[in-house]
N, C-alpha and C. Protein backbone atom coordinates (compact mmCIF):
# COMPACT_ATOMS: atom_id res chain seq x y z
N MET A 1 0.84 -1.17 0.00
CA MET A 1 0.00 0.00 0.00
C MET A 1 0.88 1.23 0.00
N LEU A 2 0.55 2.20 -0.81
CA LEU A 2 1.28 3.45 -0.88
C LEU A 2 0.27 4.58 -0.79
N ILE A 3 0.48 5.47 0.16
CA ILE A 3 -0.39 6.63 0.33
C ILE A 3 0.46 7.85 0.08
N ASP A 4 0.04 8.70 -0.83
CA ASP A 4 0.75 9.94 -1.08
C ASP A 4 -0.16 11.11 -0.77
N LEU A 5 0.27 11.92 0.16
CA LEU A 5 -0.41 13.15 0.52
C LEU A 5 0.59 14.28 0.30
N PRO A 6 0.14 15.52 0.24
CA PRO A 6 1.09 16.60 -0.02
C PRO A 6 2.30 16.63 0.91
N LYS A 7 2.13 16.25 2.17
CA LYS A 7 3.22 16.35 3.13
C LYS A 7 3.66 15.00 3.69
N MET A 8 3.13 13.88 3.14
CA MET A 8 3.44 12.59 3.73
C MET A 8 3.29 11.48 2.70
N SER A 9 4.17 10.50 2.74
CA SER A 9 4.04 9.27 1.96
C SER A 9 4.19 8.10 2.92
N SER A 10 3.41 7.05 2.68
CA SER A 10 3.45 5.88 3.53
C SER A 10 3.57 4.63 2.67
N TRP A 11 4.47 3.72 3.08
CA TRP A 11 4.65 2.47 2.36
C TRP A 11 4.39 1.31 3.29
N LYS A 12 3.68 0.31 2.79
CA LYS A 12 3.55 -0.94 3.56
C LYS A 12 4.92 -1.57 3.55
N ASN A 13 5.42 -1.92 4.71
CA ASN A 13 6.79 -2.36 4.85
C ASN A 13 6.86 -3.88 4.84
N LYS A 14 7.82 -4.43 4.13
CA LYS A 14 8.01 -5.87 4.09
C LYS A 14 9.43 -6.24 4.51
N TYR A 15 10.07 -5.38 5.29
CA TYR A 15 11.45 -5.64 5.70
C TYR A 15 11.50 -6.63 6.86
N GLU A 16 12.66 -7.19 7.09
CA GLU A 16 12.85 -8.21 8.12
C GLU A 16 12.77 -7.65 9.53
N ASP A 17 12.88 -6.32 9.69
CA ASP A 17 12.89 -5.77 11.05
C ASP A 17 11.51 -5.77 11.69
N GLY A 18 10.48 -6.18 10.97
CA GLY A 18 9.16 -6.30 11.55
C GLY A 18 8.29 -5.07 11.49
N ALA A 19 8.75 -4.00 10.86
CA ALA A 19 7.94 -2.79 10.75
C ALA A 19 6.73 -3.07 9.87
N LEU A 20 5.60 -2.49 10.26
CA LEU A 20 4.38 -2.65 9.49
C LEU A 20 4.29 -1.61 8.38
N TYR A 21 4.71 -0.39 8.68
CA TYR A 21 4.65 0.71 7.72
C TYR A 21 5.87 1.60 7.90
N PHE A 22 6.23 2.28 6.84
CA PHE A 22 7.28 3.30 6.87
C PHE A 22 6.67 4.58 6.33
N ILE A 23 6.79 5.67 7.08
CA ILE A 23 6.17 6.94 6.71
C ILE A 23 7.26 7.99 6.59
N CYS A 24 7.19 8.80 5.54
CA CYS A 24 8.13 9.89 5.32
C CYS A 24 7.34 11.19 5.31
N TYR A 25 7.76 12.17 6.12
CA TYR A 25 7.12 13.48 6.18
C TYR A 25 7.97 14.47 5.39
N PHE A 26 7.32 15.28 4.57
CA PHE A 26 8.03 16.18 3.66
C PHE A 26 7.77 17.64 3.97
N ASN A 27 8.79 18.46 3.68
CA ASN A 27 8.69 19.91 3.69
C ASN A 27 9.53 20.39 2.52
N ASP A 28 8.92 21.09 1.58
CA ASP A 28 9.63 21.56 0.38
C ASP A 28 10.33 20.41 -0.35
N ALA A 29 9.63 19.31 -0.52
CA ALA A 29 10.10 18.12 -1.26
C ALA A 29 11.28 17.41 -0.58
N LYS A 30 11.61 17.76 0.66
CA LYS A 30 12.67 17.06 1.40
C LYS A 30 12.05 16.33 2.58
N CYS A 31 12.50 15.11 2.77
CA CYS A 31 12.03 14.31 3.90
C CYS A 31 12.72 14.83 5.16
N TYR A 32 11.94 15.34 6.11
CA TYR A 32 12.53 15.87 7.34
C TYR A 32 12.30 14.95 8.54
N LYS A 33 11.39 13.98 8.41
CA LYS A 33 11.13 13.06 9.51
C LYS A 33 10.61 11.75 8.94
N THR A 34 11.02 10.64 9.54
CA THR A 34 10.48 9.34 9.16
C THR A 34 9.87 8.69 10.41
N ALA A 35 8.96 7.78 10.18
CA ALA A 35 8.37 7.00 11.26
C ALA A 35 8.16 5.58 10.75
N SER A 36 8.64 4.63 11.52
CA SER A 36 8.36 3.22 11.25
C SER A 36 7.37 2.76 12.30
N ILE A 37 6.31 2.10 11.85
CA ILE A 37 5.26 1.63 12.74
C ILE A 37 5.50 0.14 13.01
N TYR A 38 5.60 -0.18 14.30
CA TYR A 38 5.88 -1.55 14.73
C TYR A 38 4.78 -2.06 15.64
N PRO A 39 4.62 -3.40 15.72
CA PRO A 39 3.74 -3.97 16.75
C PRO A 39 4.36 -3.73 18.12
N GLU A 40 3.53 -3.58 19.14
CA GLU A 40 4.03 -3.21 20.48
C GLU A 40 5.01 -4.23 21.06
N ASN A 41 5.00 -5.45 20.59
CA ASN A 41 5.94 -6.45 21.14
C ASN A 41 7.38 -6.18 20.72
N LYS A 42 7.64 -5.22 19.83
CA LYS A 42 9.00 -4.86 19.40
C LYS A 42 9.57 -3.68 20.20
N ILE A 43 8.79 -3.08 21.10
CA ILE A 43 9.24 -1.87 21.79
C ILE A 43 10.47 -2.13 22.66
N THR A 44 10.51 -3.23 23.38
CA THR A 44 11.66 -3.55 24.23
C THR A 44 12.91 -3.74 23.39
N HIS A 45 12.76 -4.39 22.26
CA HIS A 45 13.87 -4.60 21.33
C HIS A 45 14.45 -3.26 20.88
N TRP A 46 13.60 -2.31 20.48
CA TRP A 46 14.09 -1.02 19.99
C TRP A 46 14.65 -0.16 21.12
N GLU A 47 14.06 -0.21 22.30
CA GLU A 47 14.61 0.53 23.44
C GLU A 47 16.01 0.03 23.76
N SER A 48 16.22 -1.27 23.70
CA SER A 48 17.54 -1.83 23.96
C SER A 48 18.56 -1.37 22.91
N ILE A 49 18.20 -1.40 21.65
CA ILE A 49 19.09 -0.93 20.58
C ILE A 49 19.45 0.53 20.79
N LEU A 50 18.45 1.36 21.07
CA LEU A 50 18.69 2.79 21.25
C LEU A 50 19.53 3.06 22.50
N ASN A 51 19.24 2.36 23.60
CA ASN A 51 20.02 2.54 24.83
C ASN A 51 21.49 2.15 24.64
N ASN A 52 21.75 1.16 23.79
CA ASN A 52 23.12 0.70 23.56
C ASN A 52 23.88 1.51 22.53
N ASN A 53 23.18 2.24 21.68
CA ASN A 53 23.85 2.93 20.57
C ASN A 53 23.67 4.45 20.55
N CYS A 54 22.83 4.96 21.41
CA CYS A 54 22.53 6.39 21.40
C CYS A 54 22.54 6.93 22.83
N ALA A 55 22.53 8.24 22.94
CA ALA A 55 22.45 8.89 24.25
C ALA A 55 20.99 9.22 24.55
N ARG A 56 20.51 8.72 25.68
CA ARG A 56 19.14 9.04 26.09
C ARG A 56 19.15 10.44 26.68
N LEU A 57 18.24 11.28 26.25
CA LEU A 57 18.24 12.67 26.70
C LEU A 57 17.52 12.79 28.04
N LYS A 58 18.16 13.49 28.95
CA LYS A 58 17.59 13.71 30.28
C LYS A 58 16.34 14.56 30.15
N ASP A 59 15.43 14.38 31.06
CA ASP A 59 14.17 15.12 31.12
C ASP A 59 13.28 14.88 29.91
N GLU A 60 13.60 13.92 29.09
CA GLU A 60 12.77 13.58 27.94
C GLU A 60 12.42 12.09 28.00
N THR A 61 11.17 11.79 27.81
CA THR A 61 10.75 10.41 27.82
C THR A 61 10.87 9.84 26.42
N LYS A 62 11.51 8.71 26.32
CA LYS A 62 11.61 7.98 25.06
C LYS A 62 12.23 8.80 23.93
N LEU A 63 13.29 9.58 24.23
CA LEU A 63 14.00 10.35 23.22
C LEU A 63 15.49 10.09 23.33
N TRP A 64 16.12 9.74 22.20
CA TRP A 64 17.54 9.43 22.14
C TRP A 64 18.20 10.26 21.05
N LEU A 65 19.50 10.50 21.20
CA LEU A 65 20.29 11.21 20.20
C LEU A 65 21.40 10.30 19.70
N ASP A 66 21.45 10.12 18.40
CA ASP A 66 22.54 9.41 17.74
C ASP A 66 23.50 10.49 17.26
N GLU A 67 24.56 10.74 18.04
CA GLU A 67 25.49 11.83 17.74
C GLU A 67 26.25 11.58 16.44
N LYS A 68 26.59 10.34 16.17
CA LYS A 68 27.35 10.01 14.96
C LYS A 68 26.58 10.38 13.69
N HIS A 69 25.30 10.05 13.65
CA HIS A 69 24.49 10.30 12.46
C HIS A 69 23.65 11.58 12.56
N LYS A 70 23.77 12.26 13.71
CA LYS A 70 23.03 13.50 13.96
C LYS A 70 21.52 13.32 13.77
N LEU A 71 21.00 12.30 14.47
CA LEU A 71 19.58 11.99 14.40
C LEU A 71 18.99 11.87 15.80
N TYR A 72 17.76 12.33 15.94
CA TYR A 72 16.97 12.07 17.13
C TYR A 72 16.05 10.90 16.84
N PHE A 73 15.88 10.03 17.83
CA PHE A 73 14.92 8.94 17.75
C PHE A 73 13.94 9.09 18.91
N ARG A 74 12.67 8.94 18.61
CA ARG A 74 11.63 9.02 19.63
C ARG A 74 10.68 7.85 19.44
N ILE A 75 10.31 7.23 20.55
CA ILE A 75 9.30 6.18 20.52
C ILE A 75 7.99 6.79 21.00
N LYS A 76 6.96 6.66 20.16
CA LYS A 76 5.64 7.20 20.49
C LYS A 76 4.62 6.08 20.46
N PRO A 77 3.85 5.93 21.54
CA PRO A 77 2.81 4.90 21.55
C PRO A 77 1.75 5.21 20.51
N GLY A 78 1.18 4.16 19.94
CA GLY A 78 0.15 4.32 18.92
C GLY A 78 -1.13 3.62 19.31
N ASN A 79 -1.98 3.49 18.34
CA ASN A 79 -3.25 2.78 18.52
C ASN A 79 -3.11 1.35 18.02
N ASN A 80 -4.06 0.53 18.34
CA ASN A 80 -4.11 -0.84 17.83
C ASN A 80 -2.85 -1.64 18.13
N LYS A 81 -2.33 -1.48 19.35
CA LYS A 81 -1.17 -2.24 19.81
C LYS A 81 0.06 -2.03 18.93
N THR A 82 0.32 -0.76 18.60
CA THR A 82 1.49 -0.40 17.80
C THR A 82 2.22 0.76 18.47
N PHE A 83 3.42 1.05 17.95
CA PHE A 83 4.15 2.25 18.34
C PHE A 83 4.90 2.75 17.12
N ALA A 84 5.29 4.01 17.17
CA ALA A 84 6.08 4.60 16.07
C ALA A 84 7.49 4.87 16.57
N LEU A 85 8.46 4.54 15.74
CA LEU A 85 9.85 4.91 15.97
C LEU A 85 10.13 6.04 14.99
N GLU A 86 10.17 7.26 15.53
CA GLU A 86 10.39 8.44 14.70
C GLU A 86 11.87 8.79 14.64
N SER A 87 12.28 9.33 13.51
CA SER A 87 13.65 9.76 13.33
C SER A 87 13.63 11.14 12.67
N THR A 88 14.36 12.10 13.29
CA THR A 88 14.47 13.44 12.72
C THR A 88 15.93 13.88 12.82
N LYS A 89 16.33 14.78 11.93
CA LYS A 89 17.69 15.32 11.99
C LYS A 89 17.82 16.21 13.21
N SER A 90 18.96 16.12 13.88
CA SER A 90 19.23 17.02 15.01
C SER A 90 19.80 18.33 14.46
N ASN A 91 19.69 19.37 15.25
CA ASN A 91 20.30 20.64 14.85
C ASN A 91 21.79 20.49 14.95
N GLU A 92 22.48 20.87 13.90
CA GLU A 92 23.92 20.66 13.88
C GLU A 92 24.67 21.83 14.45
């Protein structure tokens, strides 16, 4: 499934990481944020990966910084037993 809206595109995901959908948010034809939608049983797996590879930001819930790639990662709970793993560029 592919959904194209002026500011967002969504693809049904068939990758091995278990994501259900991959969403790209656009501003001026550039992708500024992505979100992968996962079933809730993958949340512990992703928290472990982020805790081992990124810096968890103090005073922020479920927000990590990957300094090497200059990306923020945020886990947001969703509906229907899912969550989103969002990725945005950090300010350089």
